[in-house]
C-alpha atoms as a PDB file:
ATOM      1  CA  UNK A   1      -6.008  19.192  -6.918  1.00  0.00           C
ATOM      2  CA  UNK A   2      -7.544  15.929  -8.033  1.00  0.00           C
ATOM      3  CA  UNK A   3      -7.114  13.474 -10.849  1.00  0.00           C
ATOM      4  CA  UNK A   4      -9.455  13.045 -13.820  1.00  0.00           C
ATOM      5  CA  UNK A   5     -10.080  10.313 -16.354  1.00  0.00           C
ATOM      6  CA  UNK A   6      -9.837  11.428 -19.983  1.00  0.00           C
ATOM      7  CA  UNK A   7     -11.142  10.083 -23.288  1.00  0.00           C
ATOM      8  CA  UNK A   8      -8.255   7.619 -23.563  1.00  0.00           C
ATOM      9  CA  UNK A   9     -10.304   5.394 -21.219  1.00  0.00           C
ATOM     10  CA  UNK A  10     -13.277   5.219 -23.567  1.00  0.00           C
ATOM     11  CA  UNK A  11     -13.779   1.697 -24.950  1.00  0.00           C
ATOM     12  CA  UNK A  12     -10.662   0.482 -23.075  1.00  0.00           C
ATOM     13  CA  UNK A  13     -11.763   0.609 -19.430  1.00  0.00           C
ATOM     14  CA  UNK A  14      -8.955  -1.611 -18.117  1.00  0.00           C
ATOM     15  CA  UNK A  15      -9.742  -0.806 -14.465  1.00  0.00           C
ATOM     16  CA  UNK A  16      -6.222  -1.390 -13.098  1.00  0.00           C
ATOM     17  CA  UNK A  17      -6.615   1.980 -11.362  1.00  0.00           C
ATOM     18  CA  UNK A  18      -9.570   0.803  -9.289  1.00  0.00           C
ATOM     19  CA  UNK A  19      -7.527  -1.789  -7.406  1.00  0.00           C
ATOM     20  CA  UNK A  20      -5.031   0.739  -6.042  1.00  0.00           C
ATOM     21  CA  UNK A  21      -7.390   3.573  -5.070  1.00  0.00           C
ATOM     22  CA  UNK A  22      -7.374   3.897  -1.254  1.00  0.00           C
ATOM     23  CA  UNK A  23     -10.641   5.875  -1.156  1.00  0.00           C
ATOM     24  CA  UNK A  24     -12.726   4.056  -3.792  1.00  0.00           C
ATOM     25  CA  UNK A  25     -13.454   7.191  -5.816  1.00  0.00           C
ATOM     26  CA  UNK A  26     -13.952   5.505  -9.214  1.00  0.00           C
ATOM     27  CA  UNK A  27     -17.361   5.261 -10.853  1.00  0.00           C
ATOM     28  CA  UNK A  28     -18.199   2.999 -13.759  1.00  0.00           C
ATOM     29  CA  UNK A  29     -19.923   3.857 -16.995  1.00  0.00           C
ATOM     30  CA  UNK A  30     -20.741   1.469 -19.788  1.00  0.00           C
ATOM     31  CA  UNK A  31     -17.449   2.149 -21.582  1.00  0.00           C
ATOM     32  CA  UNK A  32     -15.425   4.477 -19.325  1.00  0.00           C
ATOM     33  CA  UNK A  33     -14.527   5.131 -15.700  1.00  0.00           C
ATOM     34  CA  UNK A  34     -14.562   8.516 -13.936  1.00  0.00           C
ATOM     35  CA  UNK A  35     -13.116   9.843 -10.687  1.00  0.00           C
ATOM     36  CA  UNK A  36     -15.314  11.678  -8.189  1.00  0.00           C
ATOM     37  CA  UNK A  37     -13.380  14.950  -7.630  1.00  0.00           C
ATOM     38  CA  UNK A  38     -14.736  15.466  -4.100  1.00  0.00           C
ATOM     39  CA  UNK A  39     -13.605  11.992  -3.027  1.00  0.00           C
ATOM     40  CA  UNK A  40     -10.168  11.898  -4.685  1.00  0.00           C
ATOM     41  CA  UNK A  41      -7.411  12.618  -2.142  1.00  0.00           C
ATOM     42  CA  UNK A  42      -4.801  13.444  -4.781  1.00  0.00           C
ATOM     43  CA  UNK A  43      -2.534  10.559  -3.829  1.00  0.00           C
ATOM     44  CA  UNK A  44      -1.709   9.841  -7.483  1.00  0.00           C
ATOM     45  CA  UNK A  45      -1.375   6.069  -7.154  1.00  0.00           C
ATOM     46  CA  UNK A  46      -3.923   5.481  -9.925  1.00  0.00           C
ATOM     47  CA  UNK A  47      -2.106   7.478 -12.594  1.00  0.00           C
ATOM     48  CA  UNK A  48       0.813   5.088 -13.258  1.00  0.00           C
ATOM     49  CA  UNK A  49      -1.518   2.065 -13.163  1.00  0.00           C
ATOM     50  CA  UNK A  50      -3.462   3.126 -16.261  1.00  0.00           C
ATOM     51  CA  UNK A  51      -2.074   1.288 -19.306  1.00  0.00           C
ATOM     52  CA  UNK A  52      -3.430   3.944 -21.689  1.00  0.00           C
ATOM     53  CA  UNK A  53      -2.423   7.054 -19.686  1.00  0.00           C
ATOM     54  CA  UNK A  54      -6.056   8.114 -19.340  1.00  0.00           C
ATOM     55  CA  UNK A  55      -5.608   9.564 -15.834  1.00  0.00           C
ATOM     56  CA  UNK A  56      -4.122  13.042 -15.461  1.00  0.00           C
ATOM     57  CA  UNK A  57      -3.935  15.700 -12.736  1.00  0.00           C
ATOM     58  CA  UNK A  58      -6.635  18.350 -13.026  1.00  0.00           C
ATOM     59  CA  UNK A  59      -3.905  20.977 -13.369  1.00  0.00           C
ATOM     60  CA  UNK A  60      -2.943  19.807 -16.872  1.00  0.00           C
ATOM     61  CA  UNK A  61      -4.230  21.879 -19.792  1.00  0.00           C
ATOM     62  CA  UNK A  62      -6.848  19.531 -21.200  1.00  0.00           C
ATOM     63  CA  UNK A  63      -8.065  18.439 -17.754  1.00  0.00           C
ATOM     64  CA  UNK A  64     -10.691  21.164 -17.256  1.00  0.00           C
ATOM     65  CA  UNK A  65     -13.190  19.715 -19.727  1.00  0.00           C
ATOM     66  CA  UNK A  66     -12.666  16.225 -18.307  1.00  0.00           C
ATOM     67  CA  UNK A  67     -13.057  17.420 -14.717  1.00  0.00           C
ATOM     68  CA  UNK A  68     -16.626  18.483 -15.450  1.00  0.00           C
ATOM     69  CA  UNK A  69     -17.459  15.198 -17.179  1.00  0.00           C
ATOM     70  CA  UNK A  70     -15.929  13.256 -14.259  1.00  0.00           C
ATOM     71  CA  UNK A  71     -17.949  15.272 -11.732  1.00  0.00           C
ATOM     72  CA  UNK A  72     -21.204  14.876 -13.619  1.00  0.00           C
ATOM     73  CA  UNK A  73     -21.018  11.135 -14.189  1.00  0.00           C
ATOM     74  CA  UNK A  74     -19.555  10.277 -10.773  1.00  0.00           C
ATOM     75  CA  UNK A  75     -22.901  11.515  -9.486  1.00  0.00           C
ATOM     76  CA  UNK A  76     -24.857   9.248 -11.864  1.00  0.00           C
ATOM     77  CA  UNK A  77     -22.869   6.030 -12.245  1.00  0.00           C
ATOM     78  CA  UNK A  78     -22.279   3.244  -9.687  1.00  0.00           C
ATOM     79  CA  UNK A  79     -19.188   3.228  -7.524  1.00  0.00           C
ATOM     80  CA  UNK A  80     -16.652   0.554  -8.415  1.00  0.00           C
ATOM     81  CA  UNK A  81     -14.255  -0.838  -5.813  1.00  0.00           C
ATOM     82  CA  UNK A  82     -12.804  -3.894  -7.541  1.00  0.00           C
ATOM     83  CA  UNK A  83     -11.195  -4.430 -10.909  1.00  0.00           C
ATOM     84  CA  UNK A  84     -13.554  -6.000 -13.405  1.00  0.00           C
ATOM     85  CA  UNK A  85     -12.994  -7.421 -16.856  1.00  0.00           C
ATOM     86  CA  UNK A  86     -11.878  -5.028 -19.568  1.00  0.00           C
ATOM     87  CA  UNK A  87     -13.938  -5.111 -22.757  1.00  0.00           C
ATOM     88  CA  UNK A  88     -12.823  -7.938 -25.078  1.00  0.00           C
ATOM     89  CA  UNK A  89     -11.781  -5.416 -27.747  1.00  0.00           C
ATOM     90  CA  UNK A  90      -9.975  -3.043 -25.344  1.00  0.00           C
ATOM     91  CA  UNK A  91      -6.558  -3.626 -26.925  1.00  0.00           C
ATOM     92  CA  UNK A  92      -7.944  -2.633 -30.324  1.00  0.00           C
ATOM     93  CA  UNK A  93      -9.072   0.743 -28.894  1.00  0.00           C
ATOM     94  CA  UNK A  94      -5.927   1.450 -26.890  1.00  0.00           C
ATOM     95  CA  UNK A  95      -4.148   3.624 -29.449  1.00  0.00           C
ATOM     96  CA  UNK A  96      -7.163   5.251 -31.131  1.00  0.00           C
ATOM     97  CA  UNK A  97      -7.336   9.061 -30.837  1.00  0.00           C
ATOM     98  CA  UNK A  98     -10.427  11.235 -30.473  1.00  0.00           C
ATOM     99  CA  UNK A  99     -12.666   8.682 -28.797  1.00  0.00           C
ATOM    100  CA  UNK A 100     -15.137  11.150 -27.251  1.00  0.00           C
ATOM    101  CA  UNK A 101     -17.648  10.417 -30.025  1.00  0.00           C
ATOM    102  CA  UNK A 102     -17.868   6.847 -28.669  1.00  0.00           C
ATOM    103  CA  UNK A 103     -18.625   7.954 -25.097  1.00  0.00           C
ATOM    104  CA  UNK A 104     -21.702   6.316 -23.549  1.00  0.00           C
ATOM    105  CA  UNK A 105     -23.556   8.052 -20.744  1.00  0.00           C
ATOM    106  CA  UNK A 106     -25.086   4.746 -19.651  1.00  0.00           C
ATOM    107  CA  UNK A 107     -23.994   3.373 -16.271  1.00  0.00           C
ATOM    108  CA  UNK A 108     -21.767   0.327 -15.957  1.00  0.00           C
ATOM    109  CA  UNK A 109     -22.360  -2.697 -13.789  1.00  0.00           C
ATOM    110  CA  UNK A 110     -20.635  -1.350 -10.684  1.00  0.00           C
ATOM    111  CA  UNK A 111     -17.928  -3.155  -8.798  1.00  0.00           C
ATOM    112  CA  UNK A 112     -19.561  -3.475  -5.400  1.00  0.00           C
END
């Protein structure tokens, strides 16, 4: 089992999860983070840190489609190891549903 980041992260990207990850398995896109499924050790410490509940175990019903997106973009985006700044309008996007249409496949700045 592993954890995956879902569409709730899109346009929020708070990055609280990055700080607690013991294996640095988060990768940064322009407006979303993903978890590399082969690096995640299933410790679960990231899940409660996400203020928008965007992180779920891959055993949950909707997780399958997000697992593939996480795998694909973890191989394309830069690894992030430190919390960065959330987008200035993150709070405005926090409660919005169906954010997949706003997904950007562009890489983020990386967290070194």
